[in-house]
Amino acid sequence: RSLVEDREGTLWVGTEGGLFRFVDGTARALASAMGLSS
């Protein structure tokens, strides 16, 4: 649903199932952000 790049160059991906970010070239769910996963 949404995409944005932060000032460090990390790509953030908003989906129907929660928030992801690219870490070491792989999209990973942001498990540490409580309340965002679902």
All heavy atoms as atom14 arrays in JSON, in Angstrom:
{
  "sequence": "RSLVEDREGTLWVGTEGGLFRFVDGTARALASAMGLSS",
  "atom14_mask": [
    [1, 1, 1, 1, 1, 1, 1, 1, 1, 1, 1, 0, 0, 0],
    [1, 1, 1, 1, 1, 1, 0, 0, 0, 0, 0, 0, 0, 0],
    [1, 1, 1, 1, 1, 1, 1, 1, 0, 0, 0, 0, 0, 0],
    [1, 1, 1, 1, 1, 1, 1, 0, 0, 0, 0, 0, 0, 0],
    [1, 1, 1, 1, 1, 1, 1, 1, 1, 0, 0, 0, 0, 0],
    [1, 1, 1, 1, 1, 1, 1, 1, 0, 0, 0, 0, 0, 0],
    [1, 1, 1, 1, 1, 1, 1, 1, 1, 1, 1, 0, 0, 0],
    [1, 1, 1, 1, 1, 1, 1, 1, 1, 0, 0, 0, 0, 0],
    [1, 1, 1, 1, 0, 0, 0, 0, 0, 0, 0, 0, 0, 0],
    [1, 1, 1, 1, 1, 1, 1, 0, 0, 0, 0, 0, 0, 0],
    [1, 1, 1, 1, 1, 1, 1, 1, 0, 0, 0, 0, 0, 0],
    [1, 1, 1, 1, 1, 1, 1, 1, 1, 1, 1, 1, 1, 1],
    [1, 1, 1, 1, 1, 1, 1, 0, 0, 0, 0, 0, 0, 0],
    [1, 1, 1, 1, 0, 0, 0, 0, 0, 0, 0, 0, 0, 0],
    [1, 1, 1, 1, 1, 1, 1, 0, 0, 0, 0, 0, 0, 0],
    [1, 1, 1, 1, 1, 1, 1, 1, 1, 0, 0, 0, 0, 0],
    [1, 1, 1, 1, 0, 0, 0, 0, 0, 0, 0, 0, 0, 0],
    [1, 1, 1, 1, 0, 0, 0, 0, 0, 0, 0, 0, 0, 0],
    [1, 1, 1, 1, 1, 1, 1, 1, 0, 0, 0, 0, 0, 0],
    [1, 1, 1, 1, 1, 1, 1, 1, 1, 1, 1, 0, 0, 0],
    [1, 1, 1, 1, 1, 1, 1, 1, 1, 1, 1, 0, 0, 0],
    [1, 1, 1, 1, 1, 1, 1, 1, 1, 1, 1, 0, 0, 0],
    [1, 1, 1, 1, 1, 1, 1, 0, 0, 0, 0, 0, 0, 0],
    [1, 1, 1, 1, 1, 1, 1, 1, 0, 0, 0, 0, 0, 0],
    [1, 1, 1, 1, 0, 0, 0, 0, 0, 0, 0, 0, 0, 0],
    [1, 1, 1, 1, 1, 1, 1, 0, 0, 0, 0, 0, 0, 0],
    [1, 1, 1, 1, 1, 0, 0, 0, 0, 0, 0, 0, 0, 0],
    [1, 1, 1, 1, 1, 1, 1, 1, 1, 1, 1, 0, 0, 0],
    [1, 1, 1, 1, 1, 0, 0, 0, 0, 0, 0, 0, 0, 0],
    [1, 1, 1, 1, 1, 1, 1, 1, 0, 0, 0, 0, 0, 0],
    [1, 1, 1, 1, 1, 0, 0, 0, 0, 0, 0, 0, 0, 0],
    [1, 1, 1, 1, 1, 1, 0, 0, 0, 0, 0, 0, 0, 0],
    [1, 1, 1, 1, 1, 0, 0, 0, 0, 0, 0, 0, 0, 0],
    [1, 1, 1, 1, 1, 1, 1, 1, 0, 0, 0, 0, 0, 0],
    [1, 1, 1, 1, 0, 0, 0, 0, 0, 0, 0, 0, 0, 0],
    [1, 1, 1, 1, 1, 1, 1, 1, 0, 0, 0, 0, 0, 0],
    [1, 1, 1, 1, 1, 1, 0, 0, 0, 0, 0, 0, 0, 0],
    [1, 1, 1, 1, 1, 1, 0, 0, 0, 0, 0, 0, 0, 0]
  ],
  "atom14_positions": [
    [[0.79, -1.22, 0.0], [0.0, 0.0, 0.0], [0.83, 1.28, 0.0], [0.32, 2.33, -0.37], [-0.93, 0.01, 1.22], [-1.87, -1.19, 1.3], [-2.84, -1.22, 0.16], [-3.75, -0.1, 0.17], [-4.93, -0.08, 0.79], [-5.34, -1.14, 1.44], [-5.7, 0.98, 0.73], [0.0, 0.0, 0.0], [0.0, 0.0, 0.0], [0.0, 0.0, 0.0]],
    [[2.08, 1.22, 0.49], [2.85, 2.45, 0.6], [4.34, 2.14, 0.61], [4.77, 1.07, 1.04], [2.46, 3.21, 1.87], [2.42, 2.36, 2.99], [0.0, 0.0, 0.0], [0.0, 0.0, 0.0], [0.0, 0.0, 0.0], [0.0, 0.0, 0.0], [0.0, 0.0, 0.0], [0.0, 0.0, 0.0], [0.0, 0.0, 0.0], [0.0, 0.0, 0.0]],
    [[5.13, 3.12, 0.12], [6.59, 2.99, 0.03], [7.23, 4.32, 0.38], [6.72, 5.38, 0.0], [7.0, 2.6, -1.4], [6.53, 1.27, -1.95], [6.72, 1.23, -3.47], [7.29, 0.13, -1.3], [0.0, 0.0, 0.0], [0.0, 0.0, 0.0], [0.0, 0.0, 0.0], [0.0, 0.0, 0.0], [0.0, 0.0, 0.0], [0.0, 0.0, 0.0]],
    [[8.37, 4.25, 1.08], [9.14, 5.46, 1.33], [10.58, 5.08, 1.67], [10.84, 4.0, 2.2], [8.52, 6.31, 2.47], [8.8, 5.71, 3.83], [8.99, 7.75, 2.4], [0.0, 0.0, 0.0], [0.0, 0.0, 0.0], [0.0, 0.0, 0.0], [0.0, 0.0, 0.0], [0.0, 0.0, 0.0], [0.0, 0.0, 0.0], [0.0, 0.0, 0.0]],
    [[11.5, 5.96, 1.35], [12.92, 5.76, 1.67], [13.31, 6.78, 2.72], [13.0, 7.97, 2.6], [13.76, 5.94, 0.4], [15.24, 5.68, 0.58], [16.01, 5.93, -0.7], [15.56, 6.76, -1.52], [17.07, 5.33, -0.89], [0.0, 0.0, 0.0], [0.0, 0.0, 0.0], [0.0, 0.0, 0.0], [0.0, 0.0, 0.0], [0.0, 0.0, 0.0]],
    [[14.01, 6.35, 3.78], [14.42, 7.29, 4.81], [15.78, 7.89, 4.48], [16.4, 7.56, 3.47], [14.38, 6.65, 6.2], [15.38, 5.51, 6.38], [16.37, 5.45, 5.61], [15.19, 4.69, 7.29], [0.0, 0.0, 0.0], [0.0, 0.0, 0.0], [0.0, 0.0, 0.0], [0.0, 0.0, 0.0], [0.0, 0.0, 0.0], [0.0, 0.0, 0.0]],
    [[16.28, 8.76, 5.35], [17.51, 9.49, 5.05], [18.73, 8.59, 5.05], [19.78, 8.95, 4.49], [17.7, 10.63, 6.05], [17.83, 10.19, 7.5], [17.98, 11.39, 8.42], [18.14, 10.99, 9.81], [18.34, 11.86, 10.8], [18.39, 13.15, 10.54], [18.47, 11.42, 12.03], [0.0, 0.0, 0.0], [0.0, 0.0, 0.0], [0.0, 0.0, 0.0]],
    [[18.63, 7.4, 5.68], [19.73, 6.43, 5.64], [19.69, 5.55, 4.41], [20.57, 4.7, 4.21], [19.7, 5.54, 6.89], [20.22, 6.21, 8.16], [19.18, 7.12, 8.78], [17.97, 6.83, 8.62], [19.55, 8.13, 9.41], [0.0, 0.0, 0.0], [0.0, 0.0, 0.0], [0.0, 0.0, 0.0], [0.0, 0.0, 0.0], [0.0, 0.0, 0.0]],
    [[18.65, 5.71, 3.58], [18.53, 4.9, 2.37], [17.78, 3.61, 2.56], [17.73, 2.77, 1.65], [0.0, 0.0, 0.0], [0.0, 0.0, 0.0], [0.0, 0.0, 0.0], [0.0, 0.0, 0.0], [0.0, 0.0, 0.0], [0.0, 0.0, 0.0], [0.0, 0.0, 0.0], [0.0, 0.0, 0.0], [0.0, 0.0, 0.0], [0.0, 0.0, 0.0]],
    [[17.16, 3.41, 3.72], [16.36, 2.21, 3.96], [15.0, 2.37, 3.29], [14.34, 3.4, 3.44], [16.15, 1.99, 5.47], [17.42, 1.78, 6.08], [15.26, 0.78, 5.73], [0.0, 0.0, 0.0], [0.0, 0.0, 0.0], [0.0, 0.0, 0.0], [0.0, 0.0, 0.0], [0.0, 0.0, 0.0], [0.0, 0.0, 0.0], [0.0, 0.0, 0.0]],
    [[14.58, 1.35, 2.56], [13.26, 1.35, 1.93], [12.27, 0.71, 2.89], [12.46, -0.42, 3.32], [13.27, 0.61, 0.6], [11.93, 0.63, -0.15], [11.68, 2.02, -0.73], [11.9, -0.42, -1.25], [0.0, 0.0, 0.0], [0.0, 0.0, 0.0], [0.0, 0.0, 0.0], [0.0, 0.0, 0.0], [0.0, 0.0, 0.0], [0.0, 0.0, 0.0]],
    [[11.21, 1.45, 3.21], [10.14, 0.95, 4.07], [8.94, 0.6, 3.2], [8.6, 1.33, 2.26], [9.75, 2.01, 5.09], [10.85, 2.33, 6.06], [11.87, 3.22, 5.88], [11.07, 1.74, 7.34], [12.69, 3.24, 6.97], [12.22, 2.35, 7.9], [10.39, 0.77, 8.1], [12.71, 2.01, 9.15], [10.87, 0.44, 9.35], [12.02, 1.05, 9.87]],
    [[8.28, -0.51, 3.52], [7.17, -1.02, 2.73], [5.97, -1.24, 3.64], [6.03, -2.04, 4.58], [7.55, -2.35, 2.03], [6.43, -2.81, 1.11], [8.87, -2.22, 1.28], [0.0, 0.0, 0.0], [0.0, 0.0, 0.0], [0.0, 0.0, 0.0], [0.0, 0.0, 0.0], [0.0, 0.0, 0.0], [0.0, 0.0, 0.0], [0.0, 0.0, 0.0]],
    [[4.89, -0.52, 3.36], [3.65, -0.71, 4.11], [2.72, -1.64, 3.37], [2.44, -1.44, 2.18], [0.0, 0.0, 0.0], [0.0, 0.0, 0.0], [0.0, 0.0, 0.0], [0.0, 0.0, 0.0], [0.0, 0.0, 0.0], [0.0, 0.0, 0.0], [0.0, 0.0, 0.0], [0.0, 0.0, 0.0], [0.0, 0.0, 0.0], [0.0, 0.0, 0.0]],
    [[2.25, -2.68, 4.04], [1.38, -3.68, 3.41], [0.11, -3.89, 4.23], [-0.02, -3.38, 5.34], [2.1, -5.03, 3.28], [2.11, -5.7, 4.56], [3.53, -4.86, 2.78], [0.0, 0.0, 0.0], [0.0, 0.0, 0.0], [0.0, 0.0, 0.0], [0.0, 0.0, 0.0], [0.0, 0.0, 0.0], [0.0, 0.0, 0.0], [0.0, 0.0, 0.0]],
    [[-0.8, -4.68, 3.67], [-2.02, -5.03, 4.39], [-1.69, -5.83, 5.66], [-2.47, -5.84, 6.61], [-2.95, -5.86, 3.5], [-3.6, -5.08, 2.39], [-4.77, -4.23, 2.85], [-5.13, -4.32, 4.03], [-5.31, -3.48, 2.02], [0.0, 0.0, 0.0], [0.0, 0.0, 0.0], [0.0, 0.0, 0.0], [0.0, 0.0, 0.0], [0.0, 0.0, 0.0]],
    [[-0.54, -6.5, 5.67], [-0.17, -7.34, 6.81], [0.83, -6.72, 7.75], [1.33, -7.39, 8.66], [0.0, 0.0, 0.0], [0.0, 0.0, 0.0], [0.0, 0.0, 0.0], [0.0, 0.0, 0.0], [0.0, 0.0, 0.0], [0.0, 0.0, 0.0], [0.0, 0.0, 0.0], [0.0, 0.0, 0.0], [0.0, 0.0, 0.0], [0.0, 0.0, 0.0]],
    [[1.16, -5.43, 7.56], [2.08, -4.78, 8.47], [3.22, -4.07, 7.76], [3.2, -3.87, 6.54], [0.0, 0.0, 0.0], [0.0, 0.0, 0.0], [0.0, 0.0, 0.0], [0.0, 0.0, 0.0], [0.0, 0.0, 0.0], [0.0, 0.0, 0.0], [0.0, 0.0, 0.0], [0.0, 0.0, 0.0], [0.0, 0.0, 0.0], [0.0, 0.0, 0.0]],
    [[4.23, -3.72, 8.54], [5.35, -2.91, 8.06], [6.59, -3.77, 7.83], [6.94, -4.61, 8.66], [5.66, -1.83, 9.09], [6.76, -0.83, 8.76], [6.36, 0.03, 7.56], [7.04, 0.06, 9.98], [0.0, 0.0, 0.0], [0.0, 0.0, 0.0], [0.0, 0.0, 0.0], [0.0, 0.0, 0.0], [0.0, 0.0, 0.0], [0.0, 0.0, 0.0]],
    [[7.26, -3.53, 6.69], [8.49, -4.22, 6.35], [9.56, -3.18, 6.04], [9.26, -2.04, 5.67], [8.31, -5.1, 5.11], [7.44, -6.31, 5.33], [6.06, -6.19, 5.4], [8.0, -7.58, 5.46], [5.25, -7.3, 5.6], [7.21, -8.69, 5.66], [5.83, -8.55, 5.72], [0.0, 0.0, 0.0], [0.0, 0.0, 0.0], [0.0, 0.0, 0.0]],
    [[10.84, -3.6, 6.17], [11.94, -2.77, 5.71], [13.0, -3.67, 5.09], [13.11, -4.84, 5.44], [12.53, -1.93, 6.84], [13.19, -2.73, 7.94], [13.75, -1.8, 9.01], [14.24, -2.53, 10.17], [14.68, -1.96, 11.28], [14.69, -0.64, 11.38], [15.1, -2.68, 12.29], [0.0, 0.0, 0.0], [0.0, 0.0, 0.0], [0.0, 0.0, 0.0]],
    [[13.77, -3.1, 4.16], [14.84, -3.88, 3.54], [16.08, -3.8, 4.41], [16.63, -2.73, 4.67], [15.14, -3.35, 2.13], [14.26, -3.97, 1.07], [13.0, -3.48, 0.83], [14.7, -5.08, 0.35], [12.18, -4.06, -0.13], [13.89, -5.67, -0.6], [12.63, -5.16, -0.85], [0.0, 0.0, 0.0], [0.0, 0.0, 0.0], [0.0, 0.0, 0.0]],
    [[16.52, -4.96, 4.88], [17.72, -5.1, 5.7], [18.64, -6.09, 5.0], [18.25, -7.23, 4.73], [17.38, -5.6, 7.12], [18.66, -5.78, 7.94], [16.42, -4.65, 7.82], [0.0, 0.0, 0.0], [0.0, 0.0, 0.0], [0.0, 0.0, 0.0], [0.0, 0.0, 0.0], [0.0, 0.0, 0.0], [0.0, 0.0, 0.0], [0.0, 0.0, 0.0]],
    [[19.87, -5.64, 4.66], [20.83, -6.49, 3.95], [20.22, -7.07, 2.68], [20.44, -8.23, 2.34], [21.32, -7.61, 4.86], [22.06, -7.09, 6.08], [22.71, -6.04, 5.96], [21.97, -7.72, 7.15], [0.0, 0.0, 0.0], [0.0, 0.0, 0.0], [0.0, 0.0, 0.0], [0.0, 0.0, 0.0], [0.0, 0.0, 0.0], [0.0, 0.0, 0.0]],
    [[19.44, -6.25, 1.97], [18.87, -6.66, 0.7], [17.66, -7.56, 0.78], [17.23, -8.11, -0.23], [0.0, 0.0, 0.0], [0.0, 0.0, 0.0], [0.0, 0.0, 0.0], [0.0, 0.0, 0.0], [0.0, 0.0, 0.0], [0.0, 0.0, 0.0], [0.0, 0.0, 0.0], [0.0, 0.0, 0.0], [0.0, 0.0, 0.0], [0.0, 0.0, 0.0]],
    [[17.09, -7.72, 1.99], [15.93, -8.59, 2.17], [14.83, -7.86, 2.92], [15.09, -7.15, 3.89], [16.32, -9.85, 2.97], [17.36, -10.55, 2.26], [15.12, -10.78, 3.13], [0.0, 0.0, 0.0], [0.0, 0.0, 0.0], [0.0, 0.0, 0.0], [0.0, 0.0, 0.0], [0.0, 0.0, 0.0], [0.0, 0.0, 0.0], [0.0, 0.0, 0.0]],
    [[13.59, -8.02, 2.45], [12.45, -7.39, 3.12], [12.1, -8.21, 4.36], [11.86, -9.41, 4.29], [11.25, -7.34, 2.18], [0.0, 0.0, 0.0], [0.0, 0.0, 0.0], [0.0, 0.0, 0.0], [0.0, 0.0, 0.0], [0.0, 0.0, 0.0], [0.0, 0.0, 0.0], [0.0, 0.0, 0.0], [0.0, 0.0, 0.0], [0.0, 0.0, 0.0]],
    [[12.1, -7.52, 5.5], [11.81, -8.19, 6.77], [10.72, -7.45, 7.52], [10.7, -6.23, 7.56], [13.08, -8.25, 7.63], [14.2, -9.06, 6.98], [15.43, -9.08, 7.86], [16.53, -9.79, 7.22], [17.75, -9.89, 7.72], [18.03, -9.3, 8.88], [18.69, -10.56, 7.08], [0.0, 0.0, 0.0], [0.0, 0.0, 0.0], [0.0, 0.0, 0.0]],
    [[9.83, -8.22, 8.16], [8.78, -7.62, 8.97], [9.4, -6.94, 10.18], [10.38, -7.43, 10.74], [7.78, -8.68, 9.41], [0.0, 0.0, 0.0], [0.0, 0.0, 0.0], [0.0, 0.0, 0.0], [0.0, 0.0, 0.0], [0.0, 0.0, 0.0], [0.0, 0.0, 0.0], [0.0, 0.0, 0.0], [0.0, 0.0, 0.0], [0.0, 0.0, 0.0]],
    [[8.81, -5.83, 10.58], [9.35, -5.09, 11.71], [8.72, -5.61, 12.99], [7.76, -5.06, 13.5], [9.09, -3.59, 11.55], [9.93, -2.7, 12.45], [11.4, -2.78, 12.06], [9.45, -1.27, 12.38], [0.0, 0.0, 0.0], [0.0, 0.0, 0.0], [0.0, 0.0, 0.0], [0.0, 0.0, 0.0], [0.0, 0.0, 0.0], [0.0, 0.0, 0.0]],
    [[9.29, -6.67, 13.51], [8.73, -7.33, 14.68], [8.91, -6.51, 15.95], [8.15, -6.65, 16.9], [9.37, -8.7, 14.87], [0.0, 0.0, 0.0], [0.0, 0.0, 0.0], [0.0, 0.0, 0.0], [0.0, 0.0, 0.0], [0.0, 0.0, 0.0], [0.0, 0.0, 0.0], [0.0, 0.0, 0.0], [0.0, 0.0, 0.0], [0.0, 0.0, 0.0]],
    [[9.92, -5.63, 15.98], [10.21, -4.89, 17.2], [9.22, -3.77, 17.46], [9.13, -3.26, 18.58], [11.63, -4.31, 17.14], [11.74, -3.41, 16.06], [0.0, 0.0, 0.0], [0.0, 0.0, 0.0], [0.0, 0.0, 0.0], [0.0, 0.0, 0.0], [0.0, 0.0, 0.0], [0.0, 0.0, 0.0], [0.0, 0.0, 0.0], [0.0, 0.0, 0.0]],
    [[8.47, -3.36, 16.42], [7.51, -2.27, 16.59], [6.18, -2.85, 17.04], [5.37, -3.27, 16.24], [7.36, -1.49, 15.29], [0.0, 0.0, 0.0], [0.0, 0.0, 0.0], [0.0, 0.0, 0.0], [0.0, 0.0, 0.0], [0.0, 0.0, 0.0], [0.0, 0.0, 0.0], [0.0, 0.0, 0.0], [0.0, 0.0, 0.0], [0.0, 0.0, 0.0]],
    [[5.96, -2.9, 18.32], [4.74, -3.5, 18.86], [3.51, -2.72, 18.39], [3.49, -1.5, 18.37], [4.8, -3.51, 20.38], [6.0, -4.24, 20.95], [6.17, -5.94, 20.35], [4.71, -6.66, 21.09], [0.0, 0.0, 0.0], [0.0, 0.0, 0.0], [0.0, 0.0, 0.0], [0.0, 0.0, 0.0], [0.0, 0.0, 0.0], [0.0, 0.0, 0.0]],
    [[2.48, -3.48, 18.01], [1.26, -2.85, 17.54], [1.22, -2.59, 16.06], [0.2, -2.16, 15.54], [0.0, 0.0, 0.0], [0.0, 0.0, 0.0], [0.0, 0.0, 0.0], [0.0, 0.0, 0.0], [0.0, 0.0, 0.0], [0.0, 0.0, 0.0], [0.0, 0.0, 0.0], [0.0, 0.0, 0.0], [0.0, 0.0, 0.0], [0.0, 0.0, 0.0]],
    [[2.31, -2.87, 15.34], [2.34, -2.63, 13.9], [2.24, -3.92, 13.1], [1.99, -3.88, 11.91], [3.63, -1.91, 13.52], [3.82, -0.49, 14.03], [5.18, 0.03, 13.58], [2.72, 0.42, 13.54], [0.0, 0.0, 0.0], [0.0, 0.0, 0.0], [0.0, 0.0, 0.0], [0.0, 0.0, 0.0], [0.0, 0.0, 0.0], [0.0, 0.0, 0.0]],
    [[2.44, -5.06, 13.73], [2.63, -6.3, 12.98], [1.38, -6.76, 12.24], [1.48, -7.39, 11.2], [3.1, -7.42, 13.92], [2.16, -7.62, 14.95], [0.0, 0.0, 0.0], [0.0, 0.0, 0.0], [0.0, 0.0, 0.0], [0.0, 0.0, 0.0], [0.0, 0.0, 0.0], [0.0, 0.0, 0.0], [0.0, 0.0, 0.0], [0.0, 0.0, 0.0]],
    [[0.19, -6.43, 12.74], [-1.01, -6.97, 12.11], [-1.88, -5.91, 11.45], [-2.8, -6.25, 10.71], [-1.85, -7.72, 13.16], [-2.25, -6.84, 14.2], [0.0, 0.0, 0.0], [0.0, 0.0, 0.0], [0.0, 0.0, 0.0], [0.0, 0.0, 0.0], [0.0, 0.0, 0.0], [0.0, 0.0, 0.0], [0.0, 0.0, 0.0], [0.0, 0.0, 0.0]]
  ]
}
